[in-house]
Protein backbone atom coordinates (compact mmCIF):
# COMPACT_ATOMS: atom_id res chain seq x y z
CA UNK A 1 136.07 51.05 120.57
CA UNK A 2 133.25 51.65 118.06
CA UNK A 3 135.83 53.46 115.89
CA UNK A 4 138.41 50.43 116.06
CA UNK A 5 135.55 47.87 115.05
CA UNK A 6 134.51 50.14 112.12
CA UNK A 7 138.06 50.33 110.70
CA UNK A 8 138.25 46.69 111.26
CA UNK A 9 135.12 46.03 109.29
CA UNK A 10 136.15 48.31 106.58
CA UNK A 11 139.74 46.40 106.23
CA UNK A 12 138.11 42.85 106.22
CA UNK A 13 135.83 43.91 103.53
CA UNK A 14 138.66 44.96 101.43
CA UNK A 15 140.81 42.16 102.43
CA UNK A 16 138.59 39.20 101.98
CA UNK A 17 138.16 39.40 98.20
CA UNK A 18 142.18 38.79 97.82
CA UNK A 19 141.45 35.43 99.38
CA UNK A 20 139.45 34.33 96.37
CA UNK A 21 141.58 32.20 94.05
CA UNK A 22 139.62 33.08 91.11
CA UNK A 23 139.80 36.83 91.71
CA UNK A 24 141.57 39.29 89.03
CA UNK A 25 144.63 40.75 91.03
CA UNK A 26 143.97 43.94 89.12
CA UNK A 27 140.29 44.19 90.37
CA UNK A 28 141.45 43.28 93.75
CA UNK A 29 144.29 46.16 93.82
CA UNK A 30 141.90 48.45 92.42
CA UNK A 31 139.30 47.75 95.37
CA UNK A 32 141.84 48.27 97.77
CA UNK A 33 143.22 51.39 96.14
CA UNK A 34 139.84 52.88 95.69
CA UNK A 35 138.65 52.23 99.06
CA UNK A 36 141.68 53.27 100.86
CA UNK A 37 141.82 56.65 99.09
CA UNK A 38 138.02 57.10 99.61
CA UNK A 39 138.71 56.42 103.30
CA UNK A 40 142.07 58.60 103.50
CA UNK A 41 140.11 61.58 101.97
CA UNK A 42 136.92 61.41 104.21
CA UNK A 43 138.65 61.24 107.17
CA UNK A 44 140.83 64.13 106.05
CA UNK A 45 137.79 66.30 105.74
CA UNK A 46 136.41 64.95 109.10
CA UNK A 47 133.41 63.19 107.69
CA UNK A 48 131.04 61.22 109.87
CA UNK A 49 132.12 57.72 110.40
CA UNK A 50 128.95 56.23 108.67
CA UNK A 51 129.99 58.58 105.59
CA UNK A 52 133.43 56.98 105.89
CA UNK A 53 131.91 53.43 105.49
CA UNK A 54 129.74 54.38 102.88
CA UNK A 55 132.61 56.12 100.98
CA UNK A 56 135.03 53.54 101.42
CA UNK A 57 132.71 50.94 100.03
CA UNK A 58 131.89 53.29 96.87
CA UNK A 59 135.39 53.84 96.26
CA UNK A 60 136.32 50.01 96.38
CA UNK A 61 133.49 49.38 94.09
CA UNK A 62 134.63 52.29 91.67
CA UNK A 63 138.37 51.07 92.15
CA UNK A 64 137.43 47.64 91.04
CA UNK A 65 135.08 48.58 88.03
CA UNK A 66 137.96 50.94 86.48
CA UNK A 67 140.53 47.97 87.32
CA UNK A 68 138.22 45.47 85.41
CA UNK A 69 137.63 48.06 82.37
CA UNK A 70 141.43 48.75 82.16
CA UNK A 71 142.08 44.87 82.04
CA UNK A 72 139.68 44.17 79.19
CA UNK A 73 140.44 47.52 77.30
CA UNK A 74 136.47 47.88 76.84
CA UNK A 75 134.63 51.12 77.85
CA UNK A 76 130.93 51.66 78.53
CA UNK A 77 129.00 54.16 76.40
CA UNK A 78 125.52 55.77 76.61
CA UNK A 79 123.06 54.56 74.07
CA UNK A 80 121.22 57.46 74.64
CA UNK A 81 117.88 55.52 75.50
CA UNK A 82 118.95 55.12 79.30
CA UNK A 83 120.93 51.94 78.74
CA UNK A 84 124.68 51.35 77.62
CA UNK A 85 126.89 49.29 75.69
CA UNK A 86 130.30 47.97 75.75
CA UNK A 87 132.70 48.67 73.06
CA UNK A 88 136.74 49.04 72.59
CA UNK A 89 137.89 52.05 74.21
CA UNK A 90 139.51 54.89 71.79
């Protein structure tokens, strides 16, 4: 039962942003793909359920950010002082 509830919560966390009418479809797809890839990978290596949840959330966040940067054509660069700036990707 605990694993089913955990899985349901993970799926809900990934699917609910798709209901936002202002959401970027690329970001939503990136979040779903990143989260699913992380969950499948962690399940394949027999990770603890807690790590699967954390990894799924991290994968979803990374997927959304990658999709956002791909759609804007901007990349983040280090400024050498601990910060970053955005500029066009090469």
